[in-house]
Amino acid sequence: MQKRYLIINADDFGMCRSANEAIFELFETGGIVSSTIMMPCPEAKAAVQFAVDHPQYAIGVHLTMTNEWGERWPWGPLTDGASLRTPEGRMWPENEDFEAHCDYDEAIAEVRAQIELAEKMGMHPTQIDNHMGSLYGMNGRYLMLPKVFAVCRDMKYPFRMCTTPEDEFCPDGVSLKLYRFFCRFCGVLSKLYNVPTPDYLILTDQVKSLKGLETYEQFRDAFLDFHGKIPAGITETFIHPALPTEELQNITGTWQRRGWEYEMMKDPVTHQYFKDKGIELISYRELVQMKGK
């Protein structure tokens, strides 16, 4: 029987100090093995410096095209692309806004700029992924995803994507037919551009059983139960661990869940569960070794 591998990626590294402090600790205590940095964000510099100082950790770039918190926690693009900015100079708040306004060339220039800035600062990213799925082209910008795959090919990075449909992982509100087509389309792109990707992707924010829970223990147990059923091969899921500080509470209404995700990756119960299930927690370094470039 083929082995089961799971990448639990800590998204939103560099977003704020609360996220940074949590991710610093989780790396240093072995709670996580994978994370990605939001390069346009206020605390990205500290996150990149951590990656430079700790090359043993698998840390990549979380391509960021949206700023969902607006005035509460603002940031803008690294490039001068006018189509990527709101009238206030911030990135667009939602994927639909970004896709409605963005110019392909300006969007891809921003993609390259975010990766190149990390490299220029001395970081060697292990992977590339995308904040909020803004580059997936789900709202009509169908050529965006192939263009992102081409960047990953040119810059020689693996990319977070799913190439094999697993009906249980179909996002809430997306038709099963569309989900299956999207996975197979991404499988074609992965082979065409020779970009390593996971087999499966769980959009954790869309898992119904993880919503509306009242306690940390309920959340942890629901997360483990869902992810304990992954199929053979390489699956990626993502979390947003952060310290539940006043800073975080002022930024996002999801502060409690982010705090629970931080606690969950510190919890010995979590790591023992995956061991007992025979699921190995890996990073993109192991993915590239298994799948090649």
C-alpha atoms as a PDB file:
ATOM      1  CA  MET A   1       0.000   0.000   0.000  1.00  0.00           C
ATOM      2  CA  GLN A   2       1.343   3.427  -0.966  1.00  0.00           C
ATOM      3  CA  LYS A   3       2.321   5.651   1.943  1.00  0.00           C
ATOM      4  CA  ARG A   4       0.330   8.710   2.998  1.00  0.00           C
ATOM      5  CA  TYR A   5       2.138  12.040   3.245  1.00  0.00           C
ATOM      6  CA  LEU A   6       0.736  15.328   4.532  1.00  0.00           C
ATOM      7  CA  ILE A   7       2.066  18.872   4.163  1.00  0.00           C
ATOM      8  CA  ILE A   8       0.561  21.143   6.822  1.00  0.00           C
ATOM      9  CA  ASN A   9       1.629  24.574   5.626  1.00  0.00           C
ATOM     10  CA  ALA A  10       1.547  27.628   7.886  1.00  0.00           C
ATOM     11  CA  ASP A  11       0.165  30.332   5.609  1.00  0.00           C
ATOM     12  CA  ASP A  12       0.348  34.090   6.230  1.00  0.00           C
ATOM     13  CA  PHE A  13       3.882  34.199   7.652  1.00  0.00           C
ATOM     14  CA  GLY A  14       4.906  37.871   7.661  1.00  0.00           C
ATOM     15  CA  MET A  15       1.342  39.167   7.869  1.00  0.00           C
ATOM     16  CA  CYS A  16       1.717  40.520  11.406  1.00  0.00           C
ATOM     17  CA  ARG A  17       3.809  40.070  14.537  1.00  0.00           C
ATOM     18  CA  SER A  18       1.289  37.688  16.084  1.00  0.00           C
ATOM     19  CA  ALA A  19       1.650  35.331  13.121  1.00  0.00           C
ATOM     20  CA  ASN A  20       5.426  35.676  13.069  1.00  0.00           C
ATOM     21  CA  GLU A  21       5.894  34.931  16.761  1.00  0.00           C
ATOM     22  CA  ALA A  22       3.704  31.835  16.529  1.00  0.00           C
ATOM     23  CA  ILE A  23       5.483  30.512  13.443  1.00  0.00           C
ATOM     24  CA  PHE A  24       8.943  31.226  14.855  1.00  0.00           C
ATOM     25  CA  GLU A  25       8.068  29.144  17.901  1.00  0.00           C
ATOM     26  CA  LEU A  26       6.434  26.312  15.966  1.00  0.00           C
ATOM     27  CA  PHE A  27       9.454  25.900  13.696  1.00  0.00           C
ATOM     28  CA  GLU A  28      11.900  25.977  16.578  1.00  0.00           C
ATOM     29  CA  THR A  29       9.946  23.428  18.625  1.00  0.00           C
ATOM     30  CA  GLY A  30       9.239  21.092  15.688  1.00  0.00           C
ATOM     31  CA  GLY A  31       5.521  21.826  15.580  1.00  0.00           C
ATOM     32  CA  ILE A  32       5.574  22.698  11.866  1.00  0.00           C
ATOM     33  CA  VAL A  33       7.907  21.958   8.963  1.00  0.00           C
ATOM     34  CA  SER A  34       6.482  24.221   6.233  1.00  0.00           C
ATOM     35  CA  SER A  35       5.406  27.862   5.870  1.00  0.00           C
ATOM     36  CA  THR A  36       5.044  30.607   3.267  1.00  0.00           C
ATOM     37  CA  ILE A  37       5.605  34.372   3.524  1.00  0.00           C
ATOM     38  CA  MET A  38       3.315  37.202   2.356  1.00  0.00           C
ATOM     39  CA  MET A  39       5.959  39.478   0.856  1.00  0.00           C
ATOM     40  CA  PRO A  40       3.913  42.733   0.607  1.00  0.00           C
ATOM     41  CA  CYS A  41       2.856  42.592   4.273  1.00  0.00           C
ATOM     42  CA  PRO A  42       4.092  44.710   7.196  1.00  0.00           C
ATOM     43  CA  GLU A  43       6.102  41.978   8.941  1.00  0.00           C
ATOM     44  CA  ALA A  44       7.487  40.217   5.862  1.00  0.00           C
ATOM     45  CA  LYS A  45      11.021  41.516   6.425  1.00  0.00           C
ATOM     46  CA  ALA A  46      11.242  39.813   9.830  1.00  0.00           C
ATOM     47  CA  ALA A  47       9.835  36.588   8.393  1.00  0.00           C
ATOM     48  CA  VAL A  48      12.368  36.586   5.548  1.00  0.00           C
ATOM     49  CA  GLN A  49      15.205  37.256   7.966  1.00  0.00           C
ATOM     50  CA  PHE A  50      14.086  34.264  10.020  1.00  0.00           C
ATOM     51  CA  ALA A  51      14.168  32.124   6.867  1.00  0.00           C
ATOM     52  CA  VAL A  52      17.649  33.408   5.985  1.00  0.00           C
ATOM     53  CA  ASP A  53      18.905  32.713   9.514  1.00  0.00           C
ATOM     54  CA  HIS A  54      17.334  29.231   9.552  1.00  0.00           C
ATOM     55  CA  PRO A  55      17.919  27.660   6.120  1.00  0.00           C
ATOM     56  CA  GLN A  56      17.080  24.236   7.555  1.00  0.00           C
ATOM     57  CA  TYR A  57      13.392  25.182   7.590  1.00  0.00           C
ATOM     58  CA  ALA A  58      11.219  24.827   4.487  1.00  0.00           C
ATOM     59  CA  ILE A  59       9.830  28.320   3.877  1.00  0.00           C
ATOM     60  CA  GLY A  60       8.422  29.613   0.609  1.00  0.00           C
ATOM     61  CA  VAL A  61       6.541  32.587  -0.860  1.00  0.00           C
ATOM     62  CA  HIS A  62       2.779  33.051  -0.383  1.00  0.00           C
ATOM     63  CA  LEU A  63       1.902  35.047  -3.512  1.00  0.00           C
ATOM     64  CA  THR A  64      -0.357  37.844  -2.289  1.00  0.00           C
ATOM     65  CA  MET A  65      -2.689  39.733  -4.616  1.00  0.00           C
ATOM     66  CA  THR A  66      -5.434  40.699  -2.154  1.00  0.00           C
ATOM     67  CA  ASN A  67      -5.723  42.659   1.089  1.00  0.00           C
ATOM     68  CA  GLU A  68      -8.905  41.415   2.731  1.00  0.00           C
ATOM     69  CA  TRP A  69      -8.558  43.527   5.895  1.00  0.00           C
ATOM     70  CA  GLY A  70      -8.449  46.917   4.201  1.00  0.00           C
ATOM     71  CA  GLU A  71      -7.841  49.866   6.491  1.00  0.00           C
ATOM     72  CA  ARG A  72      -7.566  47.644   9.565  1.00  0.00           C
ATOM     73  CA  TRP A  73      -4.310  46.125   8.253  1.00  0.00           C
ATOM     74  CA  PRO A  74      -3.372  47.618   4.884  1.00  0.00           C
ATOM     75  CA  TRP A  75      -0.754  46.760   2.293  1.00  0.00           C
ATOM     76  CA  GLY A  76      -0.237  47.422  -1.385  1.00  0.00           C
ATOM     77  CA  PRO A  77       1.582  45.674  -4.237  1.00  0.00           C
ATOM     78  CA  LEU A  78       5.360  45.744  -4.633  1.00  0.00           C
ATOM     79  CA  THR A  79       5.095  46.899  -8.251  1.00  0.00           C
ATOM     80  CA  ASP A  80       3.534  50.002  -9.833  1.00  0.00           C
ATOM     81  CA  GLY A  81       0.743  48.134 -11.626  1.00  0.00           C
ATOM     82  CA  ALA A  82      -2.269  50.436 -11.456  1.00  0.00           C
ATOM     83  CA  SER A  83      -4.723  47.592 -12.050  1.00  0.00           C
ATOM     84  CA  LEU A  84      -3.586  45.863  -8.849  1.00  0.00           C
ATOM     85  CA  ARG A  85      -4.490  48.809  -6.582  1.00  0.00           C
ATOM     86  CA  THR A  86      -7.663  50.231  -5.130  1.00  0.00           C
ATOM     87  CA  PRO A  87      -8.111  54.020  -5.331  1.00  0.00           C
ATOM     88  CA  GLU A  88      -6.604  54.110  -1.818  1.00  0.00           C
ATOM     89  CA  GLY A  89      -3.471  52.315  -3.020  1.00  0.00           C
ATOM     90  CA  ARG A  90      -4.183  48.992  -1.306  1.00  0.00           C
ATOM     91  CA  MET A  91      -4.544  45.626  -2.982  1.00  0.00           C
ATOM     92  CA  TRP A  92      -8.124  44.663  -3.838  1.00  0.00           C
ATOM     93  CA  PRO A  93      -9.987  43.078  -0.895  1.00  0.00           C
ATOM     94  CA  GLU A  94     -11.404  39.963  -2.593  1.00  0.00           C
ATOM     95  CA  ASN A  95     -10.474  37.601  -5.420  1.00  0.00           C
ATOM     96  CA  GLU A  96     -13.438  38.793  -7.474  1.00  0.00           C
ATOM     97  CA  ASP A  97     -12.225  42.391  -7.208  1.00  0.00           C
ATOM     98  CA  PHE A  98      -8.677  41.438  -8.179  1.00  0.00           C
ATOM     99  CA  GLU A  99      -9.781  39.434 -11.208  1.00  0.00           C
ATOM    100  CA  ALA A 100     -12.236  42.112 -12.325  1.00  0.00           C
ATOM    101  CA  HIS A 101      -9.540  44.786 -12.421  1.00  0.00           C
ATOM    102  CA  CYS A 102      -6.161  43.151 -12.947  1.00  0.00           C
ATOM    103  CA  ASP A 103      -4.117  43.238 -16.113  1.00  0.00           C
ATOM    104  CA  TYR A 104      -2.406  39.902 -16.835  1.00  0.00           C
ATOM    105  CA  ASP A 105       1.016  41.428 -17.433  1.00  0.00           C
ATOM    106  CA  GLU A 106       0.851  43.542 -14.290  1.00  0.00           C
ATOM    107  CA  ALA A 107      -0.298  40.592 -12.193  1.00  0.00           C
ATOM    108  CA  ILE A 108       2.519  38.351 -13.415  1.00  0.00           C
ATOM    109  CA  ALA A 109       5.044  41.166 -12.896  1.00  0.00           C
ATOM    110  CA  GLU A 110       3.865  41.318  -9.272  1.00  0.00           C
ATOM    111  CA  VAL A 111       4.203  37.528  -8.948  1.00  0.00           C
ATOM    112  CA  ARG A 112       7.795  37.707 -10.125  1.00  0.00           C
ATOM    113  CA  ALA A 113       8.546  40.746  -7.967  1.00  0.00           C
ATOM    114  CA  GLN A 114       7.409  39.007  -4.790  1.00  0.00           C
ATOM    115  CA  ILE A 115       9.574  35.957  -5.460  1.00  0.00           C
ATOM    116  CA  GLU A 116      12.542  38.034  -6.588  1.00  0.00           C
ATOM    117  CA  LEU A 117      12.389  40.232  -3.481  1.00  0.00           C
ATOM    118  CA  ALA A 118      12.635  37.155  -1.244  1.00  0.00           C
ATOM    119  CA  GLU A 119      15.611  35.951  -3.277  1.00  0.00           C
ATOM    120  CA  LYS A 120      17.273  39.380  -3.223  1.00  0.00           C
ATOM    121  CA  MET A 121      16.978  39.435   0.571  1.00  0.00           C
ATOM    122  CA  GLY A 122      18.980  36.212   0.715  1.00  0.00           C
ATOM    123  CA  MET A 123      16.171  33.706   1.039  1.00  0.00           C
ATOM    124  CA  HIS A 124      16.008  30.461  -0.945  1.00  0.00           C
ATOM    125  CA  PRO A 125      12.274  29.704  -1.156  1.00  0.00           C
ATOM    126  CA  THR A 126      11.311  26.045  -1.071  1.00  0.00           C
ATOM    127  CA  GLN A 127       7.923  26.497  -2.729  1.00  0.00           C
ATOM    128  CA  ILE A 128       5.372  28.927  -4.102  1.00  0.00           C
ATOM    129  CA  ASP A 129       1.690  29.123  -3.213  1.00  0.00           C
ATOM    130  CA  ASN A 130      -1.120  31.656  -3.403  1.00  0.00           C
ATOM    131  CA  HIS A 131      -3.024  33.633  -0.773  1.00  0.00           C
ATOM    132  CA  MET A 132      -6.801  33.134  -1.057  1.00  0.00           C
ATOM    133  CA  GLY A 133      -6.466  31.332  -4.409  1.00  0.00           C
ATOM    134  CA  SER A 134      -6.557  34.675  -6.204  1.00  0.00           C
ATOM    135  CA  LEU A 135      -4.417  33.368  -9.091  1.00  0.00           C
ATOM    136  CA  TYR A 136      -6.514  30.289  -9.831  1.00  0.00           C
ATOM    137  CA  GLY A 137      -8.662  32.131 -12.392  1.00  0.00           C
ATOM    138  CA  MET A 138     -11.937  30.922 -10.895  1.00  0.00           C
ATOM    139  CA  ASN A 139     -13.756  34.155 -11.751  1.00  0.00           C
ATOM    140  CA  GLY A 140     -12.990  34.349 -15.453  1.00  0.00           C
ATOM    141  CA  ARG A 141      -9.244  34.996 -15.679  1.00  0.00           C
ATOM    142  CA  TYR A 142      -8.664  31.529 -17.111  1.00  0.00           C
ATOM    143  CA  LEU A 143      -5.187  32.237 -18.461  1.00  0.00           C
ATOM    144  CA  MET A 144      -3.837  33.340 -15.085  1.00  0.00           C
ATOM    145  CA  LEU A 145      -3.038  29.885 -13.719  1.00  0.00           C
ATOM    146  CA  PRO A 146      -1.035  28.721 -16.774  1.00  0.00           C
ATOM    147  CA  LYS A 147       0.953  31.961 -16.573  1.00  0.00           C
ATOM    148  CA  VAL A 148       1.746  31.287 -12.881  1.00  0.00           C
ATOM    149  CA  PHE A 149       2.820  27.740 -13.723  1.00  0.00           C
ATOM    150  CA  ALA A 150       5.113  29.211 -16.378  1.00  0.00           C
ATOM    151  CA  VAL A 151       6.721  31.484 -13.763  1.00  0.00           C
ATOM    152  CA  CYS A 152       7.271  28.492 -11.469  1.00  0.00           C
ATOM    153  CA  ARG A 153       8.831  26.586 -14.357  1.00  0.00           C
ATOM    154  CA  ASP A 154      11.119  29.482 -15.268  1.00  0.00           C
ATOM    155  CA  MET A 155      12.169  30.101 -11.661  1.00  0.00           C
ATOM    156  CA  LYS A 156      12.306  26.367 -10.838  1.00  0.00           C
ATOM    157  CA  TYR A 157       9.858  26.208  -7.933  1.00  0.00           C
ATOM    158  CA  PRO A 158       7.161  23.696  -7.002  1.00  0.00           C
ATOM    159  CA  PHE A 159       3.654  25.097  -6.662  1.00  0.00           C
ATOM    160  CA  ARG A 160       0.691  24.369  -4.406  1.00  0.00           C
ATOM    161  CA  MET A 161      -2.053  22.828  -6.479  1.00  0.00           C
ATOM    162  CA  CYS A 162      -4.145  19.663  -6.702  1.00  0.00           C
ATOM    163  CA  THR A 163      -3.757  17.311  -9.649  1.00  0.00           C
ATOM    164  CA  THR A 164      -6.027  14.446  -8.608  1.00  0.00           C
ATOM    165  CA  PRO A 165      -9.716  14.826  -7.691  1.00  0.00           C
ATOM    166  CA  GLU A 166     -10.852  13.514  -4.307  1.00  0.00           C
ATOM    167  CA  ASP A 167     -14.556  14.173  -3.920  1.00  0.00           C
ATOM    168  CA  GLU A 168     -14.336  14.663  -0.155  1.00  0.00           C
ATOM    169  CA  PHE A 169     -12.006  17.627  -0.766  1.00  0.00           C
ATOM    170  CA  CYS A 170     -14.372  19.499  -3.082  1.00  0.00           C
ATOM    171  CA  PRO A 171     -14.734  23.029  -1.637  1.00  0.00           C
ATOM    172  CA  ASP A 172     -18.066  24.070  -0.211  1.00  0.00           C
ATOM    173  CA  GLY A 173     -20.161  25.787  -2.877  1.00  0.00           C
ATOM    174  CA  VAL A 174     -18.200  24.388  -5.850  1.00  0.00           C
ATOM    175  CA  SER A 175     -19.851  21.827  -8.116  1.00  0.00           C
ATOM    176  CA  LEU A 176     -18.251  18.396  -8.089  1.00  0.00           C
ATOM    177  CA  LYS A 177     -18.051  18.429 -11.887  1.00  0.00           C
ATOM    178  CA  LEU A 178     -16.142  21.725 -11.917  1.00  0.00           C
ATOM    179  CA  TYR A 179     -13.842  20.561  -9.099  1.00  0.00           C
ATOM    180  CA  ARG A 180     -12.947  17.340 -10.948  1.00  0.00           C
ATOM    181  CA  PHE A 181     -12.254  19.266 -14.150  1.00  0.00           C
ATOM    182  CA  PHE A 182     -10.086  21.800 -12.308  1.00  0.00           C
ATOM    183  CA  CYS A 183      -7.953  19.082 -10.681  1.00  0.00           C
ATOM    184  CA  ARG A 184      -7.379  17.316 -13.982  1.00  0.00           C
ATOM    185  CA  PHE A 185      -6.598  20.626 -15.708  1.00  0.00           C
ATOM    186  CA  CYS A 186      -3.989  21.366 -13.044  1.00  0.00           C
ATOM    187  CA  GLY A 187      -2.556  17.886 -13.560  1.00  0.00           C
ATOM    188  CA  VAL A 188      -2.072  18.732 -17.233  1.00  0.00           C
ATOM    189  CA  LEU A 189      -0.385  22.035 -16.347  1.00  0.00           C
ATOM    190  CA  SER A 190       1.911  20.344 -13.825  1.00  0.00           C
ATOM    191  CA  LYS A 191       3.145  17.901 -16.465  1.00  0.00           C
ATOM    192  CA  LEU A 192       3.249  20.459 -19.276  1.00  0.00           C
ATOM    193  CA  TYR A 193       5.377  22.915 -17.299  1.00  0.00           C
ATOM    194  CA  ASN A 194       7.266  20.270 -15.301  1.00  0.00           C
ATOM    195  CA  VAL A 195       6.269  21.879 -11.987  1.00  0.00           C
ATOM    196  CA  PRO A 196       6.014  19.502  -9.002  1.00  0.00           C
ATOM    197  CA  THR A 197       2.752  19.759  -7.049  1.00  0.00           C
ATOM    198  CA  PRO A 198       0.938  17.757  -4.385  1.00  0.00           C
ATOM    199  CA  ASP A 199      -1.577  15.157  -5.506  1.00  0.00           C
ATOM    200  CA  TYR A 200      -4.391  16.537  -3.369  1.00  0.00           C
ATOM    201  CA  LEU A 201      -5.223  19.886  -1.799  1.00  0.00           C
ATOM    202  CA  ILE A 202      -7.570  20.453   1.122  1.00  0.00           C
ATOM    203  CA  LEU A 203      -8.980  23.977   1.279  1.00  0.00           C
ATOM    204  CA  THR A 204      -9.134  23.863   5.051  1.00  0.00           C
ATOM    205  CA  ASP A 205     -11.235  27.007   5.396  1.00  0.00           C
ATOM    206  CA  GLN A 206     -13.980  25.297   3.375  1.00  0.00           C
ATOM    207  CA  VAL A 207     -14.256  22.086   5.435  1.00  0.00           C
ATOM    208  CA  LYS A 208     -17.748  22.132   6.966  1.00  0.00           C
ATOM    209  CA  SER A 209     -16.834  19.985   9.968  1.00  0.00           C
ATOM    210  CA  LEU A 210     -14.290  22.606  11.069  1.00  0.00           C
ATOM    211  CA  LYS A 211     -16.832  25.439  11.248  1.00  0.00           C
ATOM    212  CA  GLY A 212     -18.916  26.574  14.193  1.00  0.00           C
ATOM    213  CA  LEU A 213     -16.963  24.688  16.850  1.00  0.00           C
ATOM    214  CA  GLU A 214     -16.957  26.051  20.380  1.00  0.00           C
ATOM    215  CA  THR A 215     -13.759  24.753  21.980  1.00  0.00           C
ATOM    216  CA  TYR A 216     -10.153  24.145  21.044  1.00  0.00           C
ATOM    217  CA  GLU A 217     -10.488  20.409  21.720  1.00  0.00           C
ATOM    218  CA  GLN A 218     -13.492  20.162  19.391  1.00  0.00           C
ATOM    219  CA  PHE A 219     -11.552  21.947  16.653  1.00  0.00           C
ATOM    220  CA  ARG A 220      -8.410  19.849  17.097  1.00  0.00           C
ATOM    221  CA  ASP A 221     -10.315  16.575  17.086  1.00  0.00           C
ATOM    222  CA  ALA A 222     -12.375  17.554  14.021  1.00  0.00           C
ATOM    223  CA  PHE A 223      -9.216  18.619  12.163  1.00  0.00           C
ATOM    224  CA  LEU A 224      -7.471  15.364  12.987  1.00  0.00           C
ATOM    225  CA  ASP A 225     -10.481  13.231  12.096  1.00  0.00           C
ATOM    226  CA  PHE A 226     -10.830  14.875   8.681  1.00  0.00           C
ATOM    227  CA  HIS A 227      -7.133  14.751   7.831  1.00  0.00           C
ATOM    228  CA  GLY A 228      -6.691  11.250   9.184  1.00  0.00           C
ATOM    229  CA  LYS A 229      -8.706   9.995   6.189  1.00  0.00           C
ATOM    230  CA  ILE A 230      -6.449  11.338   3.438  1.00  0.00           C
ATOM    231  CA  PRO A 231      -5.704   8.950   0.553  1.00  0.00           C
ATOM    232  CA  ALA A 232      -2.330   7.491  -0.373  1.00  0.00           C
ATOM    233  CA  GLY A 233       0.031   9.994  -1.987  1.00  0.00           C
ATOM    234  CA  ILE A 234       0.881  13.602  -1.086  1.00  0.00           C
ATOM    235  CA  THR A 235      -1.830  15.846   0.323  1.00  0.00           C
ATOM    236  CA  GLU A 236      -1.426  19.481   1.306  1.00  0.00           C
ATOM    237  CA  THR A 237      -3.542  21.369   3.795  1.00  0.00           C
ATOM    238  CA  PHE A 238      -2.969  24.788   5.312  1.00  0.00           C
ATOM    239  CA  ILE A 239      -3.396  26.601   8.602  1.00  0.00           C
ATOM    240  CA  HIS A 240      -2.887  30.195   9.772  1.00  0.00           C
ATOM    241  CA  PRO A 241      -1.283  29.897  13.208  1.00  0.00           C
ATOM    242  CA  ALA A 242      -0.963  33.076  15.237  1.00  0.00           C
ATOM    243  CA  LEU A 243      -0.873  34.185  18.832  1.00  0.00           C
ATOM    244  CA  PRO A 244      -4.392  35.332  19.864  1.00  0.00           C
ATOM    245  CA  THR A 245      -3.180  38.808  20.805  1.00  0.00           C
ATOM    246  CA  GLU A 246      -4.981  42.133  20.828  1.00  0.00           C
ATOM    247  CA  GLU A 247      -3.167  42.915  17.564  1.00  0.00           C
ATOM    248  CA  LEU A 248      -4.657  39.842  15.899  1.00  0.00           C
ATOM    249  CA  GLN A 249      -8.129  40.502  17.306  1.00  0.00           C
ATOM    250  CA  ASN A 250      -8.022  44.004  15.839  1.00  0.00           C
ATOM    251  CA  ILE A 251      -7.100  42.610  12.401  1.00  0.00           C
ATOM    252  CA  THR A 252      -9.393  39.635  11.835  1.00  0.00           C
ATOM    253  CA  GLY A 253     -12.530  38.003  13.130  1.00  0.00           C
ATOM    254  CA  THR A 254     -10.835  34.619  12.621  1.00  0.00           C
ATOM    255  CA  TRP A 255      -8.389  35.309  15.457  1.00  0.00           C
ATOM    256  CA  GLN A 256      -9.723  32.516  17.675  1.00  0.00           C
ATOM    257  CA  ARG A 257      -9.353  29.827  15.023  1.00  0.00           C
ATOM    258  CA  ARG A 258      -5.847  31.051  14.222  1.00  0.00           C
ATOM    259  CA  GLY A 259      -5.011  30.766  17.895  1.00  0.00           C
ATOM    260  CA  TRP A 260      -6.427  27.241  17.968  1.00  0.00           C
ATOM    261  CA  GLU A 261      -4.318  26.287  14.958  1.00  0.00           C
ATOM    262  CA  TYR A 262      -1.226  27.540  16.784  1.00  0.00           C
ATOM    263  CA  GLU A 263      -2.166  25.488  19.860  1.00  0.00           C
ATOM    264  CA  MET A 264      -2.941  22.446  17.729  1.00  0.00           C
ATOM    265  CA  MET A 265       0.516  22.321  16.176  1.00  0.00           C
ATOM    266  CA  LYS A 266       2.088  22.594  19.644  1.00  0.00           C
ATOM    267  CA  ASP A 267      -0.103  19.791  20.978  1.00  0.00           C
ATOM    268  CA  PRO A 268       1.567  16.344  21.363  1.00  0.00           C
ATOM    269  CA  VAL A 269      -1.862  14.785  20.694  1.00  0.00           C
ATOM    270  CA  THR A 270      -1.718  16.140  17.124  1.00  0.00           C
ATOM    271  CA  HIS A 271       1.645  14.655  16.270  1.00  0.00           C
ATOM    272  CA  GLN A 272       0.951  11.341  17.971  1.00  0.00           C
ATOM    273  CA  TYR A 273      -2.312  11.040  16.044  1.00  0.00           C
ATOM    274  CA  PHE A 274      -0.585  11.273  12.681  1.00  0.00           C
ATOM    275  CA  LYS A 275       2.083   8.792  13.777  1.00  0.00           C
ATOM    276  CA  ASP A 276      -0.597   6.348  14.864  1.00  0.00           C
ATOM    277  CA  LYS A 277      -2.357   6.760  11.519  1.00  0.00           C
ATOM    278  CA  GLY A 278       0.868   6.146   9.590  1.00  0.00           C
ATOM    279  CA  ILE A 279       0.747   9.632   8.049  1.00  0.00           C
ATOM    280  CA  GLU A 280       4.138  11.285   7.615  1.00  0.00           C
ATOM    281  CA  LEU A 281       4.286  15.081   7.907  1.00  0.00           C
ATOM    282  CA  ILE A 282       6.605  16.442   5.211  1.00  0.00           C
ATOM    283  CA  SER A 283       7.605  19.685   3.488  1.00  0.00           C
ATOM    284  CA  TYR A 284       8.100  20.588  -0.165  1.00  0.00           C
ATOM    285  CA  ARG A 285      11.712  19.465   0.075  1.00  0.00           C
ATOM    286  CA  GLU A 286      10.521  15.886   0.390  1.00  0.00           C
ATOM    287  CA  LEU A 287       7.857  16.463  -2.274  1.00  0.00           C
ATOM    288  CA  VAL A 288      10.483  17.596  -4.784  1.00  0.00           C
ATOM    289  CA  GLN A 289      12.684  14.618  -3.926  1.00  0.00           C
ATOM    290  CA  MET A 290       9.773  12.259  -4.555  1.00  0.00           C
ATOM    291  CA  LYS A 291       8.426  13.946  -7.661  1.00  0.00           C
ATOM    292  CA  GLY A 292      11.533  15.553  -9.155  1.00  0.00           C
ATOM    293  CA  LYS A 293      11.699  18.745 -11.165  1.00  0.00           C
END
